[in-house]
N, C-alpha and C. Protein backbone atom coordinates (compact mmCIF):
# COMPACT_ATOMS: atom_id res chain seq x y z
N MET A 1 8.32 3.62 -2.94
CA MET A 1 6.11 3.71 -3.32
C MET A 1 6.53 3.66 -3.72
N ALA A 2 4.78 2.87 -5.09
CA ALA A 2 4.11 2.55 -5.93
C ALA A 2 3.41 3.32 -5.87
N MET A 3 1.97 3.06 -6.71
CA MET A 3 0.78 3.57 -7.62
C MET A 3 0.54 2.58 -7.92
N GLU A 4 -0.44 2.27 -8.69
CA GLU A 4 -1.45 1.51 -9.66
C GLU A 4 -3.14 1.44 -9.90
N GLU A 5 -2.64 2.12 -10.78
CA GLU A 5 -4.49 2.23 -11.44
C GLU A 5 -5.09 1.45 -12.25
N ILE A 6 -5.94 0.39 -11.83
CA ILE A 6 -7.36 -0.68 -12.80
C ILE A 6 -8.48 0.50 -12.92
N ARG A 7 -9.30 0.39 -14.03
CA ARG A 7 -10.07 0.93 -14.07
C ARG A 7 -10.95 -0.24 -15.09
N SER A 8 -12.02 -0.28 -15.23
CA SER A 8 -12.91 -1.22 -15.35
C SER A 8 -13.97 -0.12 -16.04
N LYS A 9 -14.96 -1.10 -16.53
CA LYS A 9 -17.03 0.02 -16.88
C LYS A 9 -16.96 0.41 -15.46
N HIS A 10 -17.44 -0.59 -14.24
CA HIS A 10 -18.71 -0.66 -12.63
C HIS A 10 -16.97 -0.37 -12.04
N LEU A 11 -15.47 -0.58 -12.21
CA LEU A 11 -14.90 -0.67 -10.98
C LEU A 11 -13.29 0.60 -10.69
N ARG A 12 -13.02 0.78 -10.07
CA ARG A 12 -11.46 1.35 -10.30
C ARG A 12 -10.85 1.36 -9.03
N TRP A 13 -9.89 0.88 -9.16
CA TRP A 13 -9.25 -0.12 -8.35
C TRP A 13 -7.98 1.11 -7.84
N ILE A 14 -7.37 1.26 -6.73
CA ILE A 14 -6.56 2.28 -6.77
C ILE A 14 -5.22 1.10 -5.75
N ASN A 15 -4.08 0.87 -6.05
CA ASN A 15 -3.30 0.73 -5.36
C ASN A 15 -1.88 0.95 -4.91
N ILE A 16 -1.92 1.03 -3.54
CA ILE A 16 -0.80 2.07 -3.32
C ILE A 16 0.29 1.19 -2.23
N THR A 17 1.36 0.80 -2.46
CA THR A 17 1.60 0.08 -1.35
C THR A 17 3.56 1.05 -1.30
N GLY A 18 4.24 0.48 -0.13
CA GLY A 18 5.41 1.43 0.25
C GLY A 18 5.17 2.50 0.97
N VAL A 19 3.81 2.70 0.81
CA VAL A 19 3.67 4.50 1.91
C VAL A 19 4.05 4.59 3.30
N ASN A 20 4.48 5.47 3.69
CA ASN A 20 4.97 5.70 5.59
C ASN A 20 4.56 6.96 5.86
N ASP A 21 3.99 8.62 4.93
CA ASP A 21 4.75 9.92 5.38
C ASP A 21 2.84 9.78 4.47
N LEU A 22 2.32 10.79 5.55
CA LEU A 22 1.11 11.02 5.18
C LEU A 22 1.23 12.31 4.14
N ASN A 23 2.38 12.47 3.80
CA ASN A 23 3.13 13.92 2.14
C ASN A 23 3.23 13.16 1.62
N ALA A 24 3.32 11.83 1.47
CA ALA A 24 3.66 11.11 0.29
C ALA A 24 2.81 11.61 -0.86
N PRO A 25 3.50 11.58 -1.50
CA PRO A 25 2.79 12.22 -3.24
C PRO A 25 0.85 11.04 -3.53
N GLU A 26 1.52 9.98 -2.99
CA GLU A 26 0.58 8.82 -3.09
C GLU A 26 -0.83 9.56 -2.06
N ILE A 27 -0.61 9.69 -1.37
CA ILE A 27 -1.92 10.38 -0.10
C ILE A 27 -1.74 11.55 -0.72
N LYS A 28 -0.73 12.73 -1.08
CA LYS A 28 -1.76 13.82 -2.03
C LYS A 28 -2.32 13.45 -2.77
N TYR A 29 -2.13 12.70 -3.97
CA TYR A 29 -3.28 12.33 -4.81
C TYR A 29 -4.45 11.60 -4.75
N LEU A 30 -4.53 11.46 -3.17
CA LEU A 30 -6.22 10.79 -3.15
C LEU A 30 -7.01 11.31 -1.66
N LYS A 31 -5.92 12.32 -1.66
CA LYS A 31 -6.55 13.99 -0.25
C LYS A 31 -7.33 14.31 -1.59
N LYS A 32 -6.40 15.07 -2.92
CA LYS A 32 -7.14 15.63 -4.20
C LYS A 32 -7.75 15.30 -4.24
N ASN A 33 -8.60 14.07 -4.81
CA ASN A 33 -8.84 13.67 -5.47
C ASN A 33 -10.14 12.74 -4.97
N PHE A 34 -10.42 12.49 -4.33
CA PHE A 34 -11.45 12.17 -3.44
C PHE A 34 -11.68 11.68 -1.98
N SER A 35 -12.92 11.86 -2.02
CA SER A 35 -13.11 12.04 -0.21
C SER A 35 -12.94 11.30 0.89
N PHE A 36 -11.56 10.30 0.46
CA PHE A 36 -11.87 9.51 1.67
C PHE A 36 -11.83 10.04 3.55
N HIS A 37 -11.75 9.91 4.24
CA HIS A 37 -12.07 9.91 5.80
C HIS A 37 -10.55 10.13 5.98
N PRO A 38 -10.04 11.42 6.93
CA PRO A 38 -8.03 11.78 7.19
C PRO A 38 -8.20 9.82 7.76
N LEU A 39 -8.40 9.61 9.02
CA LEU A 39 -8.86 8.23 8.89
C LEU A 39 -8.50 7.19 8.76
N ASN A 40 -8.88 6.83 6.98
CA ASN A 40 -8.11 5.72 5.86
C ASN A 40 -7.14 6.13 5.25
N LEU A 41 -6.92 8.15 5.46
CA LEU A 41 -5.97 7.71 5.33
C LEU A 41 -4.84 7.89 6.02
N THR A 42 -4.30 8.31 6.66
CA THR A 42 -3.35 7.72 8.37
C THR A 42 -2.79 6.28 7.79
N ASP A 43 -4.82 5.39 7.79
CA ASP A 43 -4.06 3.37 7.59
C ASP A 43 -3.48 3.24 6.59
N CYS A 44 -3.56 3.81 5.57
CA CYS A 44 -2.59 4.15 4.46
C CYS A 44 -0.88 3.56 5.20
N THR A 45 -0.68 3.93 6.51
CA THR A 45 0.91 4.43 6.14
C THR A 45 1.44 4.13 7.72
N ILE A 46 0.53 3.18 7.90
CA ILE A 46 0.31 2.32 9.49
C ILE A 46 1.54 1.59 8.86
N LYS A 47 1.94 0.68 9.25
CA LYS A 47 3.14 -0.48 9.49
C LYS A 47 2.41 -1.16 10.09
N GLY A 48 2.20 -2.58 10.04
CA GLY A 48 1.50 -3.38 9.96
C GLY A 48 0.07 -3.41 10.22
N GLN A 49 -0.51 -2.71 10.27
CA GLN A 49 -1.67 -2.51 10.05
C GLN A 49 -2.65 -3.51 9.51
N ARG A 50 -3.96 -3.68 11.16
CA ARG A 50 -4.44 -4.90 10.54
C ARG A 50 -4.95 -5.18 9.71
N PRO A 51 -5.25 -6.11 8.68
CA PRO A 51 -6.08 -5.51 7.58
C PRO A 51 -7.98 -5.62 7.99
N LYS A 52 -8.31 -4.74 7.03
CA LYS A 52 -10.41 -3.56 7.32
C LYS A 52 -10.55 -3.67 5.75
N ILE A 53 -11.46 -3.67 5.92
CA ILE A 53 -13.23 -2.98 4.91
C ILE A 53 -13.35 -1.93 5.65
N ASP A 54 -13.69 -1.14 5.12
CA ASP A 54 -14.54 0.45 5.57
C ASP A 54 -15.74 0.52 3.98
N GLU A 55 -16.41 0.30 5.07
CA GLU A 55 -18.01 0.45 3.83
C GLU A 55 -18.73 2.32 3.54
N HIS A 56 -18.12 2.66 2.83
CA HIS A 56 -18.84 3.87 2.77
C HIS A 56 -20.41 3.89 2.35
N GLN A 57 -20.20 5.14 1.25
CA GLN A 57 -22.05 5.03 0.47
C GLN A 57 -21.77 4.63 -0.85
N ASP A 58 -20.19 5.11 -1.30
CA ASP A 58 -20.27 5.63 -2.98
C ASP A 58 -19.16 4.15 -3.04
N HIS A 59 -17.80 3.88 -1.62
CA HIS A 59 -17.08 3.08 -2.06
C HIS A 59 -16.44 2.69 -1.11
N LEU A 60 -15.22 0.81 -1.19
CA LEU A 60 -14.97 0.43 0.00
C LEU A 60 -13.59 0.93 -0.08
N PHE A 61 -12.60 1.12 1.29
CA PHE A 61 -12.01 1.29 1.29
C PHE A 61 -11.74 -0.21 1.68
N LEU A 62 -10.10 0.21 1.50
CA LEU A 62 -9.52 -2.52 2.22
C LEU A 62 -8.39 -1.52 2.76
N VAL A 63 -7.79 -1.94 3.02
CA VAL A 63 -6.23 -1.62 3.84
C VAL A 63 -5.67 -3.33 4.20
N PHE A 64 -4.66 -3.82 3.17
CA PHE A 64 -4.77 -5.50 3.86
C PHE A 64 -3.00 -5.43 3.39
N LEU A 65 -2.91 -6.54 3.76
CA LEU A 65 -0.54 -6.53 3.31
C LEU A 65 -1.06 -7.85 2.44
């Protein structure tokens, strides 16, 4: 498991790889610090998840391999 965060003036990118459990520290970090929908967090843990973009009012949520 790995998490990398990149910030610029108008962008914050959090890249998470190798997570397959909702109790992983990376998922707990996302739960604690952001208001992601629970299904988005579940999508982070599914092996073979199809690429997708969910557009929310204040952020984009991307899943891709």
